[in-house]
PDB file of all heavy atoms in Angstrom:
ATOM      1  N   THR A   1    -203.694  36.653  47.041  1.00  0.00           N
ATOM      2  CA  THR A   1    -204.869  37.384  46.809  1.00  0.00           C
ATOM      3  C   THR A   1    -205.916  37.193  47.857  1.00  0.00           C
ATOM      4  O   THR A   1    -206.045  36.052  48.306  1.00  0.00           O
ATOM      5  CB  THR A   1    -205.495  36.951  45.440  1.00  0.00           C
ATOM      6  OG1 THR A   1    -204.445  37.285  44.365  1.00  0.00           O
ATOM      7  CG2 THR A   1    -206.723  37.837  45.141  1.00  0.00           C
ATOM      8  N   PHE A   2    -206.555  38.217  48.372  1.00  0.00           N
ATOM      9  CA  PHE A   2    -207.428  37.994  49.500  1.00  0.00           C
ATOM     10  C   PHE A   2    -208.806  38.596  49.138  1.00  0.00           C
ATOM     11  O   PHE A   2    -208.929  39.505  48.426  1.00  0.00           O
ATOM     12  CB  PHE A   2    -206.903  38.811  50.763  1.00  0.00           C
ATOM     13  CG  PHE A   2    -205.620  38.285  51.299  1.00  0.00           C
ATOM     14  CD1 PHE A   2    -204.452  38.660  50.630  1.00  0.00           C
ATOM     15  CD2 PHE A   2    -205.590  37.468  52.419  1.00  0.00           C
ATOM     16  CE1 PHE A   2    -203.158  38.105  51.052  1.00  0.00           C
ATOM     17  CE2 PHE A   2    -204.311  37.024  52.846  1.00  0.00           C
ATOM     18  CZ  PHE A   2    -203.162  37.213  52.142  1.00  0.00           C
ATOM     19  N   VAL A   3    -209.887  37.861  49.578  1.00  0.00           N
ATOM     20  CA  VAL A   3    -211.309  38.310  49.508  1.00  0.00           C
ATOM     21  C   VAL A   3    -211.847  38.485  50.827  1.00  0.00           C
ATOM     22  O   VAL A   3    -211.934  37.441  51.587  1.00  0.00           O
ATOM     23  CB  VAL A   3    -212.108  37.326  48.672  1.00  0.00           C
ATOM     24  CG1 VAL A   3    -213.501  37.834  48.536  1.00  0.00           C
ATOM     25  CG2 VAL A   3    -211.589  37.283  47.238  1.00  0.00           C
ATOM     26  N   ASN A   4    -212.297  39.645  51.205  1.00  0.00           N
ATOM     27  CA  ASN A   4    -212.921  39.936  52.451  1.00  0.00           C
ATOM     28  C   ASN A   4    -211.960  39.287  53.605  1.00  0.00           C
ATOM     29  O   ASN A   4    -212.309  38.664  54.611  1.00  0.00           O
ATOM     30  CB  ASN A   4    -214.253  39.276  52.623  1.00  0.00           C
ATOM     31  CG  ASN A   4    -215.193  39.793  51.531  1.00  0.00           C
ATOM     32  OD1 ASN A   4    -215.131  40.936  51.124  1.00  0.00           O
ATOM     33  ND2 ASN A   4    -216.016  38.920  51.034  1.00  0.00           N
ATOM     34  N   HIS A   5    -210.559  39.632  53.433  1.00  0.00           N
ATOM     35  CA  HIS A   5    -209.515  39.303  54.401  1.00  0.00           C
ATOM     36  C   HIS A   5    -209.143  37.883  54.519  1.00  0.00           C
ATOM     37  O   HIS A   5    -208.363  37.452  55.385  1.00  0.00           O
ATOM     38  CB  HIS A   5    -209.918  39.937  55.848  1.00  0.00           C
ATOM     39  CG  HIS A   5    -210.224  41.376  55.807  1.00  0.00           C
ATOM     40  ND1 HIS A   5    -209.363  42.293  55.592  1.00  0.00           N
ATOM     41  CD2 HIS A   5    -211.398  41.987  56.050  1.00  0.00           C
ATOM     42  CE1 HIS A   5    -209.931  43.581  55.647  1.00  0.00           C
ATOM     43  NE2 HIS A   5    -211.248  43.369  55.935  1.00  0.00           N
ATOM     44  N   LYS A   6    -209.745  36.958  53.563  1.00  0.00           N
ATOM     45  CA  LYS A   6    -209.289  35.598  53.605  1.00  0.00           C
ATOM     46  C   LYS A   6    -208.616  35.325  52.289  1.00  0.00           C
ATOM     47  O   LYS A   6    -209.048  35.731  51.142  1.00  0.00           O
ATOM     48  CB  LYS A   6    -210.568  34.766  53.657  1.00  0.00           C
ATOM     49  CG  LYS A   6    -211.289  34.940  55.058  1.00  0.00           C
ATOM     50  CD  LYS A   6    -212.517  33.985  55.129  1.00  0.00           C
ATOM     51  CE  LYS A   6    -213.279  34.106  56.353  1.00  0.00           C
ATOM     52  NZ  LYS A   6    -214.429  33.195  56.382  1.00  0.00           N
ATOM     53  N   GLN A   7    -207.422  34.599  52.383  1.00  0.00           N
ATOM     54  CA  GLN A   7    -206.606  34.264  51.310  1.00  0.00           C
ATOM     55  C   GLN A   7    -207.379  33.243  50.473  1.00  0.00           C
ATOM     56  O   GLN A   7    -207.935  32.238  50.992  1.00  0.00           O
ATOM     57  CB  GLN A   7    -205.179  33.823  51.648  1.00  0.00           C
ATOM     58  CG  GLN A   7    -204.304  33.590  50.461  1.00  0.00           C
ATOM     59  CD  GLN A   7    -202.847  33.492  50.870  1.00  0.00           C
ATOM     60  OE1 GLN A   7    -202.552  33.292  52.065  1.00  0.00           O
ATOM     61  NE2 GLN A   7    -201.892  33.462  49.861  1.00  0.00           N
ATOM     62  N   ILE A   8    -207.272  33.394  49.160  1.00  0.00           N
ATOM     63  CA  ILE A   8    -208.040  32.487  48.229  1.00  0.00           C
ATOM     64  C   ILE A   8    -207.012  32.015  47.134  1.00  0.00           C
ATOM     65  O   ILE A   8    -205.961  32.555  46.788  1.00  0.00           O
ATOM     66  CB  ILE A   8    -209.313  33.161  47.604  1.00  0.00           C
ATOM     67  CG1 ILE A   8    -208.862  34.359  46.710  1.00  0.00           C
ATOM     68  CG2 ILE A   8    -210.239  33.567  48.648  1.00  0.00           C
ATOM     69  CD1 ILE A   8    -208.641  34.094  45.294  1.00  0.00           C
ATOM     70  N   VAL A   9    -207.450  30.903  46.568  1.00  0.00           N
ATOM     71  CA  VAL A   9    -206.783  30.383  45.307  1.00  0.00           C
ATOM     72  C   VAL A   9    -207.751  30.627  44.220  1.00  0.00           C
ATOM     73  O   VAL A   9    -207.364  31.108  43.174  1.00  0.00           O
ATOM     74  CB  VAL A   9    -206.445  28.915  45.457  1.00  0.00           C
ATOM     75  CG1 VAL A   9    -205.930  28.358  44.122  1.00  0.00           C
ATOM     76  CG2 VAL A   9    -205.317  28.681  46.591  1.00  0.00           C
ATOM     77  N   SER A  10    -209.014  30.248  44.519  1.00  0.00           N
ATOM     78  CA  SER A  10    -210.086  30.622  43.425  1.00  0.00           C
ATOM     79  C   SER A  10    -211.384  30.843  44.320  1.00  0.00           C
ATOM     80  O   SER A  10    -211.517  30.319  45.331  1.00  0.00           O
ATOM     81  CB  SER A  10    -210.289  29.363  42.535  1.00  0.00           C
ATOM     82  OG  SER A  10    -211.285  29.640  41.547  1.00  0.00           O
ATOM     83  N   HIS A  11    -212.099  31.916  43.763  1.00  0.00           N
ATOM     84  CA  HIS A  11    -213.255  32.313  44.530  1.00  0.00           C
ATOM     85  C   HIS A  11    -214.370  32.888  43.549  1.00  0.00           C
ATOM     86  O   HIS A  11    -214.106  33.626  42.652  1.00  0.00           O
ATOM     87  CB  HIS A  11    -212.879  33.425  45.490  1.00  0.00           C
ATOM     88  CG  HIS A  11    -214.019  34.059  46.293  1.00  0.00           C
ATOM     89  ND1 HIS A  11    -214.511  33.507  47.421  1.00  0.00           N
ATOM     90  CD2 HIS A  11    -214.641  35.225  45.988  1.00  0.00           C
ATOM     91  CE1 HIS A  11    -215.510  34.263  47.823  1.00  0.00           C
ATOM     92  NE2 HIS A  11    -215.485  35.316  46.960  1.00  0.00           N
ATOM     93  N   THR A  12    -215.619  32.422  43.711  1.00  0.00           N
ATOM     94  CA  THR A  12    -216.654  33.022  43.087  1.00  0.00           C
ATOM     95  C   THR A  12    -217.147  34.263  43.575  1.00  0.00           C
ATOM     96  O   THR A  12    -217.587  34.301  44.748  1.00  0.00           O
ATOM     97  CB  THR A  12    -217.879  32.035  42.932  1.00  0.00           C
ATOM     98  OG1 THR A  12    -217.354  30.700  42.254  1.00  0.00           O
ATOM     99  CG2 THR A  12    -218.959  32.582  42.085  1.00  0.00           C
ATOM    100  N   LEU A  13    -217.097  35.333  42.903  1.00  0.00           N
ATOM    101  CA  LEU A  13    -217.312  36.714  43.484  1.00  0.00           C
ATOM    102  C   LEU A  13    -218.841  36.914  43.606  1.00  0.00           C
ATOM    103  O   LEU A  13    -219.640  36.489  42.851  1.00  0.00           O
ATOM    104  CB  LEU A  13    -216.678  37.803  42.512  1.00  0.00           C
ATOM    105  CG  LEU A  13    -215.164  37.805  42.505  1.00  0.00           C
ATOM    106  CD1 LEU A  13    -214.777  38.695  41.368  1.00  0.00           C
ATOM    107  CD2 LEU A  13    -214.618  38.265  43.774  1.00  0.00           C
ATOM    108  N   LYS A  14    -219.156  37.687  44.747  1.00  0.00           N
ATOM    109  CA  LYS A  14    -220.512  38.169  44.951  1.00  0.00           C
ATOM    110  C   LYS A  14    -220.343  39.690  45.059  1.00  0.00           C
ATOM    111  O   LYS A  14    -219.486  40.204  45.428  1.00  0.00           O
ATOM    112  CB  LYS A  14    -221.026  37.516  46.258  1.00  0.00           C
ATOM    113  CG  LYS A  14    -221.210  35.976  46.150  1.00  0.00           C
ATOM    114  CD  LYS A  14    -221.840  35.396  47.487  1.00  0.00           C
ATOM    115  CE  LYS A  14    -220.865  35.296  48.580  1.00  0.00           C
ATOM    116  NZ  LYS A  14    -219.800  34.290  48.272  1.00  0.00           N
ATOM    117  N   HIS A  15    -221.575  40.300  44.884  1.00  0.00           N
ATOM    118  CA  HIS A  15    -221.718  41.763  44.975  1.00  0.00           C
ATOM    119  C   HIS A  15    -221.292  42.201  46.321  1.00  0.00           C
ATOM    120  O   HIS A  15    -221.624  41.655  47.396  1.00  0.00           O
ATOM    121  CB  HIS A  15    -223.099  42.182  44.779  1.00  0.00           C
ATOM    122  CG  HIS A  15    -223.295  43.665  45.061  1.00  0.00           C
ATOM    123  ND1 HIS A  15    -222.900  44.622  44.253  1.00  0.00           N
ATOM    124  CD2 HIS A  15    -224.021  44.303  46.043  1.00  0.00           C
ATOM    125  CE1 HIS A  15    -223.187  45.747  44.773  1.00  0.00           C
ATOM    126  NE2 HIS A  15    -223.906  45.599  45.934  1.00  0.00           N
ATOM    127  N   GLY A  16    -220.346  43.158  46.382  1.00  0.00           N
ATOM    128  CA  GLY A  16    -219.834  43.769  47.628  1.00  0.00           C
ATOM    129  C   GLY A  16    -218.546  43.177  48.058  1.00  0.00           C
ATOM    130  O   GLY A  16    -218.053  43.574  49.065  1.00  0.00           O
ATOM    131  N   ASP A  17    -217.989  42.135  47.401  1.00  0.00           N
ATOM    132  CA  ASP A  17    -216.719  41.467  47.778  1.00  0.00           C
ATOM    133  C   ASP A  17    -215.578  42.472  47.694  1.00  0.00           C
ATOM    134  O   ASP A  17    -215.527  43.254  46.632  1.00  0.00           O
ATOM    135  CB  ASP A  17    -216.416  40.203  47.010  1.00  0.00           C
ATOM    136  CG  ASP A  17    -217.162  38.930  47.467  1.00  0.00           C
ATOM    137  OD1 ASP A  17    -217.701  39.069  48.554  1.00  0.00           O
ATOM    138  OD2 ASP A  17    -217.067  37.982  46.779  1.00  0.00           O
ATOM    139  N   ASN A  18    -214.690  42.449  48.602  1.00  0.00           N
ATOM    140  CA  ASN A  18    -213.484  43.322  48.649  1.00  0.00           C
ATOM    141  C   ASN A  18    -212.341  42.410  48.326  1.00  0.00           C
ATOM    142  O   ASN A  18    -212.053  41.464  49.044  1.00  0.00           O
ATOM    143  CB  ASN A  18    -213.265  43.977  50.015  1.00  0.00           C
ATOM    144  CG  ASN A  18    -214.244  45.213  50.121  1.00  0.00           C
ATOM    145  OD1 ASN A  18    -214.159  46.096  49.435  1.00  0.00           O
ATOM    146  ND2 ASN A  18    -215.144  45.100  51.142  1.00  0.00           N
ATOM    147  N   ILE A  19    -211.672  42.714  47.160  1.00  0.00           N
ATOM    148  CA  ILE A  19    -210.472  41.961  46.740  1.00  0.00           C
ATOM    149  C   ILE A  19    -209.229  42.791  47.137  1.00  0.00           C
ATOM    150  O   ILE A  19    -209.144  43.927  46.729  1.00  0.00           O
ATOM    151  CB  ILE A  19    -210.465  41.714  45.209  1.00  0.00           C
ATOM    152  CG1 ILE A  19    -211.837  41.035  44.744  1.00  0.00           C
ATOM    153  CG2 ILE A  19    -209.332  41.004  44.857  1.00  0.00           C
ATOM    154  CD1 ILE A  19    -212.027  41.207  43.245  1.00  0.00           C
ATOM    155  N   GLN A  20    -208.433  42.239  48.062  1.00  0.00           N
ATOM    156  CA  GLN A  20    -207.157  42.834  48.460  1.00  0.00           C
ATOM    157  C   GLN A  20    -206.030  42.402  47.790  1.00  0.00           C
ATOM    158  O   GLN A  20    -205.797  41.102  47.833  1.00  0.00           O
ATOM    159  CB  GLN A  20    -206.981  42.630  49.980  1.00  0.00           C
ATOM    160  CG  GLN A  20    -208.039  43.412  50.871  1.00  0.00           C
ATOM    161  CD  GLN A  20    -209.157  42.465  51.303  1.00  0.00           C
ATOM    162  OE1 GLN A  20    -209.006  41.202  51.470  1.00  0.00           O
ATOM    163  NE2 GLN A  20    -210.323  43.056  51.589  1.00  0.00           N
ATOM    164  N   ILE A  21    -205.369  43.236  47.080  1.00  0.00           N
ATOM    165  CA  ILE A  21    -204.064  42.881  46.327  1.00  0.00           C
ATOM    166  C   ILE A  21    -203.128  43.929  46.748  1.00  0.00           C
ATOM    167  O   ILE A  21    -203.134  45.091  46.395  1.00  0.00           O
ATOM    168  CB  ILE A  21    -204.289  42.897  44.794  1.00  0.00           C
ATOM    169  CG1 ILE A  21    -205.359  41.754  44.386  1.00  0.00           C
ATOM    170  CG2 ILE A  21    -203.026  42.785  43.991  1.00  0.00           C
ATOM    171  CD1 ILE A  21    -205.709  41.686  42.903  1.00  0.00           C
ATOM    172  N   GLY A  22    -202.031  43.406  47.425  1.00  0.00           N
ATOM    173  CA  GLY A  22    -201.236  44.469  48.081  1.00  0.00           C
ATOM    174  C   GLY A  22    -201.879  45.298  49.023  1.00  0.00           C
ATOM    175  O   GLY A  22    -202.630  44.921  49.834  1.00  0.00           O
ATOM    176  N   LYS A  23    -201.645  46.657  48.846  1.00  0.00           N
ATOM    177  CA  LYS A  23    -202.367  47.548  49.644  1.00  0.00           C
ATOM    178  C   LYS A  23    -203.603  48.182  48.979  1.00  0.00           C
ATOM    179  O   LYS A  23    -204.208  49.126  49.510  1.00  0.00           O
ATOM    180  CB  LYS A  23    -201.383  48.765  50.121  1.00  0.00           C
ATOM    181  CG  LYS A  23    -200.189  48.197  50.978  1.00  0.00           C
ATOM    182  CD  LYS A  23    -199.314  49.316  51.334  1.00  0.00           C
ATOM    183  CE  LYS A  23    -198.167  48.875  52.287  1.00  0.00           C
ATOM    184  NZ  LYS A  23    -197.281  49.937  52.741  1.00  0.00           N
ATOM    185  N   HIS A  24    -203.828  47.620  47.813  1.00  0.00           N
ATOM    186  CA  HIS A  24    -204.987  48.251  47.015  1.00  0.00           C
ATOM    187  C   HIS A  24    -206.285  47.235  47.411  1.00  0.00           C
ATOM    188  O   HIS A  24    -206.075  46.109  47.562  1.00  0.00           O
ATOM    189  CB  HIS A  24    -204.759  48.289  45.579  1.00  0.00           C
ATOM    190  CG  HIS A  24    -203.826  49.390  45.228  1.00  0.00           C
ATOM    191  ND1 HIS A  24    -202.329  49.301  45.565  1.00  0.00           N
ATOM    192  CD2 HIS A  24    -203.887  50.530  44.516  1.00  0.00           C
ATOM    193  CE1 HIS A  24    -201.894  50.428  45.152  1.00  0.00           C
ATOM    194  NE2 HIS A  24    -202.675  51.197  44.559  1.00  0.00           N
ATOM    195  N   VAL A  25    -207.394  47.957  47.106  1.00  0.00           N
ATOM    196  CA  VAL A  25    -208.721  47.109  47.235  1.00  0.00           C
ATOM    197  C   VAL A  25    -209.468  47.305  45.993  1.00  0.00           C
ATOM    198  O   VAL A  25    -209.691  48.428  45.491  1.00  0.00           O
ATOM    199  CB  VAL A  25    -209.474  47.574  48.463  1.00  0.00           C
ATOM    200  CG1 VAL A  25    -210.888  46.873  48.548  1.00  0.00           C
ATOM    201  CG2 VAL A  25    -208.755  47.273  49.890  1.00  0.00           C
ATOM    202  N   LEU A  26    -209.977  46.188  45.428  1.00  0.00           N
ATOM    203  CA  LEU A  26    -210.956  46.251  44.354  1.00  0.00           C
ATOM    204  C   LEU A  26    -212.297  45.747  44.734  1.00  0.00           C
ATOM    205  O   LEU A  26    -212.538  44.672  45.420  1.00  0.00           O
ATOM    206  CB  LEU A  26    -210.468  45.289  43.225  1.00  0.00           C
ATOM    207  CG  LEU A  26    -209.344  45.785  42.353  1.00  0.00           C
ATOM    208  CD1 LEU A  26    -208.688  44.554  41.730  1.00  0.00           C
ATOM    209  CD2 LEU A  26    -209.761  46.760  41.330  1.00  0.00           C
ATOM    210  N   LEU A  27    -213.284  46.665  44.725  1.00  0.00           N
ATOM    211  CA  LEU A  27    -214.599  46.434  45.127  1.00  0.00           C
ATOM    212  C   LEU A  27    -215.440  45.766  43.910  1.00  0.00           C
ATOM    213  O   LEU A  27    -215.479  46.487  42.866  1.00  0.00           O
ATOM    214  CB  LEU A  27    -215.344  47.620  45.582  1.00  0.00           C
ATOM    215  CG  LEU A  27    -216.828  47.585  45.888  1.00  0.00           C
ATOM    216  CD1 LEU A  27    -217.154  46.673  47.088  1.00  0.00           C
ATOM    217  CD2 LEU A  27    -217.415  49.005  46.282  1.00  0.00           C
ATOM    218  N   PHE A  28    -216.018  44.657  44.100  1.00  0.00           N
ATOM    219  CA  PHE A  28    -216.780  44.029  43.089  1.00  0.00           C
ATOM    220  C   PHE A  28    -218.228  44.338  43.113  1.00  0.00           C
ATOM    221  O   PHE A  28    -218.838  44.252  44.155  1.00  0.00           O
ATOM    222  CB  PHE A  28    -216.591  42.504  43.068  1.00  0.00           C
ATOM    223  CG  PHE A  28    -217.522  41.775  41.995  1.00  0.00           C
ATOM    224  CD1 PHE A  28    -217.061  41.704  40.702  1.00  0.00           C
ATOM    225  CD2 PHE A  28    -218.614  41.107  42.345  1.00  0.00           C
ATOM    226  CE1 PHE A  28    -217.838  41.113  39.747  1.00  0.00           C
ATOM    227  CE2 PHE A  28    -219.416  40.451  41.471  1.00  0.00           C
ATOM    228  CZ  PHE A  28    -219.104  40.430  40.042  1.00  0.00           C
ATOM    229  N   LEU A  29    -218.802  44.968  42.036  1.00  0.00           N
ATOM    230  CA  LEU A  29    -220.198  45.383  42.047  1.00  0.00           C
ATOM    231  C   LEU A  29    -220.918  44.789  40.925  1.00  0.00           C
ATOM    232  O   LEU A  29    -220.407  44.608  39.783  1.00  0.00           O
ATOM    233  CB  LEU A  29    -220.283  46.985  41.792  1.00  0.00           C
ATOM    234  CG  LEU A  29    -219.601  47.840  42.841  1.00  0.00           C
ATOM    235  CD1 LEU A  29    -219.480  49.213  42.360  1.00  0.00           C
ATOM    236  CD2 LEU A  29    -220.326  47.716  44.141  1.00  0.00           C
ATOM    237  N   ALA A  30    -222.039  44.202  41.220  1.00  0.00           N
ATOM    238  CA  ALA A  30    -222.788  43.315  40.369  1.00  0.00           C
ATOM    239  C   ALA A  30    -223.561  44.104  39.267  1.00  0.00           C
ATOM    240  O   ALA A  30    -223.887  43.436  38.321  1.00  0.00           O
ATOM    241  CB  ALA A  30    -223.768  42.333  41.144  1.00  0.00           C
ATOM    242  N   SER A  31    -223.742  45.352  39.481  1.00  0.00           N
ATOM    243  CA  SER A  31    -224.450  46.164  38.455  1.00  0.00           C
ATOM    244  C   SER A  31    -224.179  47.680  38.689  1.00  0.00           C
ATOM    245  O   SER A  31    -223.774  48.059  39.721  1.00  0.00           O
ATOM    246  CB  SER A  31    -226.042  45.918  38.560  1.00  0.00           C
ATOM    247  OG  SER A  31    -226.601  46.424  39.629  1.00  0.00           O
ATOM    248  N   GLU A  32    -224.587  48.397  37.717  1.00  0.00           N
ATOM    249  CA  GLU A  32    -224.333  49.879  37.734  1.00  0.00           C
ATOM    250  C   GLU A  32    -225.195  50.413  38.876  1.00  0.00           C
ATOM    251  O   GLU A  32    -224.899  51.452  39.577  1.00  0.00           O
ATOM    252  CB  GLU A  32    -224.511  50.452  36.393  1.00  0.00           C
ATOM    253  CG  GLU A  32    -223.465  50.211  35.330  1.00  0.00           C
ATOM    254  CD  GLU A  32    -223.719  50.914  34.040  1.00  0.00           C
ATOM    255  OE1 GLU A  32    -224.409  51.912  33.989  1.00  0.00           O
ATOM    256  OE2 GLU A  32    -223.240  50.472  33.030  1.00  0.00           O
ATOM    257  N   LYS A  33    -226.429  50.034  38.928  1.00  0.00           N
ATOM    258  CA  LYS A  33    -227.418  50.414  39.914  1.00  0.00           C
ATOM    259  C   LYS A  33    -226.857  50.325  41.259  1.00  0.00           C
ATOM    260  O   LYS A  33    -226.965  51.139  42.190  1.00  0.00           O
ATOM    261  CB  LYS A  33    -228.667  49.754  39.737  1.00  0.00           C
ATOM    262  CG  LYS A  33    -229.834  50.270  40.736  1.00  0.00           C
ATOM    263  CD  LYS A  33    -231.086  49.509  40.532  1.00  0.00           C
ATOM    264  CE  LYS A  33    -231.758  49.873  39.202  1.00  0.00           C
ATOM    265  NZ  LYS A  33    -233.115  49.306  39.184  1.00  0.00           N
ATOM    266  N   GLN A  34    -226.131  49.147  41.569  1.00  0.00           N
ATOM    267  CA  GLN A  34    -225.697  48.904  42.898  1.00  0.00           C
ATOM    268  C   GLN A  34    -224.480  49.769  43.154  1.00  0.00           C
ATOM    269  O   GLN A  34    -224.064  49.996  44.320  1.00  0.00           O
ATOM    270  CB  GLN A  34    -225.347  47.443  43.067  1.00  0.00           C
ATOM    271  CG  GLN A  34    -226.600  46.620  43.090  1.00  0.00           C
ATOM    272  CD  GLN A  34    -226.325  45.178  42.889  1.00  0.00           C
ATOM    273  OE1 GLN A  34    -225.519  44.709  41.954  1.00  0.00           O
ATOM    274  NE2 GLN A  34    -227.028  44.288  43.605  1.00  0.00           N
ATOM    275  N   GLU A  35    -223.766  50.233  42.151  1.00  0.00           N
ATOM    276  CA  GLU A  35    -222.601  51.043  42.393  1.00  0.00           C
ATOM    277  C   GLU A  35    -223.067  52.376  42.895  1.00  0.00           C
ATOM    278  O   GLU A  35    -222.159  53.060  43.613  1.00  0.00           O
ATOM    279  CB  GLU A  35    -221.821  51.189  41.059  1.00  0.00           C
ATOM    280  CG  GLU A  35    -220.533  51.933  41.343  1.00  0.00           C
ATOM    281  CD  GLU A  35    -219.745  52.160  39.950  1.00  0.00           C
ATOM    282  OE1 GLU A  35    -220.129  51.649  38.987  1.00  0.00           O
ATOM    283  OE2 GLU A  35    -218.679  52.969  40.053  1.00  0.00           O
ATOM    284  N   ALA A  36    -224.229  52.781  42.646  1.00  0.00           N
ATOM    285  CA  ALA A  36    -224.564  54.182  43.169  1.00  0.00           C
ATOM    286  C   ALA A  36    -224.392  54.415  44.618  1.00  0.00           C
ATOM    287  O   ALA A  36    -224.077  55.448  45.065  1.00  0.00           O
ATOM    288  CB  ALA A  36    -226.137  54.450  42.710  1.00  0.00           C
ATOM    289  N   GLY A  37    -224.576  53.330  45.341  1.00  0.00           N
ATOM    290  CA  GLY A  37    -224.464  53.452  46.803  1.00  0.00           C
ATOM    291  C   GLY A  37    -222.949  53.135  47.297  1.00  0.00           C
ATOM    292  O   GLY A  37    -222.808  53.060  48.482  1.00  0.00           O
ATOM    293  N   ALA A  38    -222.100  52.995  46.310  1.00  0.00           N
ATOM    294  CA  ALA A  38    -220.731  52.728  46.740  1.00  0.00           C
ATOM    295  C   ALA A  38    -219.602  53.637  46.286  1.00  0.00           C
ATOM    296  O   ALA A  38    -218.514  53.383  46.039  1.00  0.00           O
ATOM    297  CB  ALA A  38    -220.300  51.290  46.154  1.00  0.00           C
ATOM    298  N   GLU A  39    -220.112  54.904  46.062  1.00  0.00           N
ATOM    299  CA  GLU A  39    -219.151  55.915  45.602  1.00  0.00           C
ATOM    300  C   GLU A  39    -218.088  56.217  46.668  1.00  0.00           C
ATOM    301  O   GLU A  39    -216.998  56.501  46.270  1.00  0.00           O
ATOM    302  CB  GLU A  39    -219.934  57.239  45.259  1.00  0.00           C
ATOM    303  CG  GLU A  39    -220.758  57.162  43.993  1.00  0.00           C
ATOM    304  CD  GLU A  39    -219.989  56.969  42.808  1.00  0.00           C
ATOM    305  OE1 GLU A  39    -218.899  57.680  42.668  1.00  0.00           O
ATOM    306  OE2 GLU A  39    -220.408  56.142  41.871  1.00  0.00           O
ATOM    307  N   GLU A  40    -218.455  56.037  47.865  1.00  0.00           N
ATOM    308  CA  GLU A  40    -217.429  56.207  48.923  1.00  0.00           C
ATOM    309  C   GLU A  40    -217.047  54.915  49.428  1.00  0.00           C
ATOM    310  O   GLU A  40    -217.939  54.135  50.048  1.00  0.00           O
ATOM    311  CB  GLU A  40    -217.979  57.109  50.118  1.00  0.00           C
ATOM    312  CG  GLU A  40    -218.331  58.573  49.595  1.00  0.00           C
ATOM    313  CD  GLU A  40    -218.908  59.307  50.801  1.00  0.00           C
ATOM    314  OE1 GLU A  40    -218.737  58.893  51.911  1.00  0.00           O
ATOM    315  OE2 GLU A  40    -219.413  60.376  50.542  1.00  0.00           O
ATOM    316  N   PRO A  41    -215.739  54.477  49.359  1.00  0.00           N
ATOM    317  CA  PRO A  41    -215.332  53.156  49.861  1.00  0.00           C
ATOM    318  C   PRO A  41    -215.743  52.859  51.241  1.00  0.00           C
ATOM    319  O   PRO A  41    -216.007  51.756  51.634  1.00  0.00           O
ATOM    320  CB  PRO A  41    -213.795  53.143  49.704  1.00  0.00           C
ATOM    321  CG  PRO A  41    -213.634  54.250  48.669  1.00  0.00           C
ATOM    322  CD  PRO A  41    -214.659  55.104  48.728  1.00  0.00           C
ATOM    323  N   ALA A  42    -215.782  53.994  52.071  1.00  0.00           N
ATOM    324  CA  ALA A  42    -216.197  53.743  53.606  1.00  0.00           C
ATOM    325  C   ALA A  42    -217.623  53.201  53.674  1.00  0.00           C
ATOM    326  O   ALA A  42    -218.034  52.679  54.720  1.00  0.00           O
ATOM    327  CB  ALA A  42    -216.094  54.979  54.312  1.00  0.00           C
ATOM    328  N   LYS A  43    -218.411  53.373  52.638  1.00  0.00           N
ATOM    329  CA  LYS A  43    -219.793  52.983  52.734  1.00  0.00           C
ATOM    330  C   LYS A  43    -220.089  51.610  51.870  1.00  0.00           C
ATOM    331  O   LYS A  43    -221.073  51.507  51.217  1.00  0.00           O
ATOM    332  CB  LYS A  43    -220.825  54.048  52.252  1.00  0.00           C
ATOM    333  CG  LYS A  43    -220.692  55.245  53.224  1.00  0.00           C
ATOM    334  CD  LYS A  43    -221.631  56.351  52.634  1.00  0.00           C
ATOM    335  CE  LYS A  43    -221.624  57.563  53.487  1.00  0.00           C
ATOM    336  NZ  LYS A  43    -222.462  58.623  53.042  1.00  0.00           N
ATOM    337  N   GLU A  44    -219.157  50.811  51.770  1.00  0.00           N
ATOM    338  CA  GLU A  44    -219.216  49.551  51.001  1.00  0.00           C
ATOM    339  C   GLU A  44    -220.235  48.708  51.642  1.00  0.00           C
ATOM    340  O   GLU A  44    -220.481  48.835  52.797  1.00  0.00           O
ATOM    341  CB  GLU A  44    -217.812  48.839  51.031  1.00  0.00           C
ATOM    342  CG  GLU A  44    -216.836  49.534  50.176  1.00  0.00           C
ATOM    343  CD  GLU A  44    -215.452  49.041  50.485  1.00  0.00           C
ATOM    344  OE1 GLU A  44    -215.276  48.218  51.238  1.00  0.00           O
ATOM    345  OE2 GLU A  44    -214.473  49.710  49.964  1.00  0.00           O
TER     346      GLU A  44
END
């Protein structure tokens, strides 16, 4: 499991962290308001 391209065992997530699992990416968002600017993954 990778966070922002670094392999982790355990990691405390922060807003905007990208979690890479295989070829998929999970974007962690700290609130619904902050998600408004992240509808397009290219603008993470």
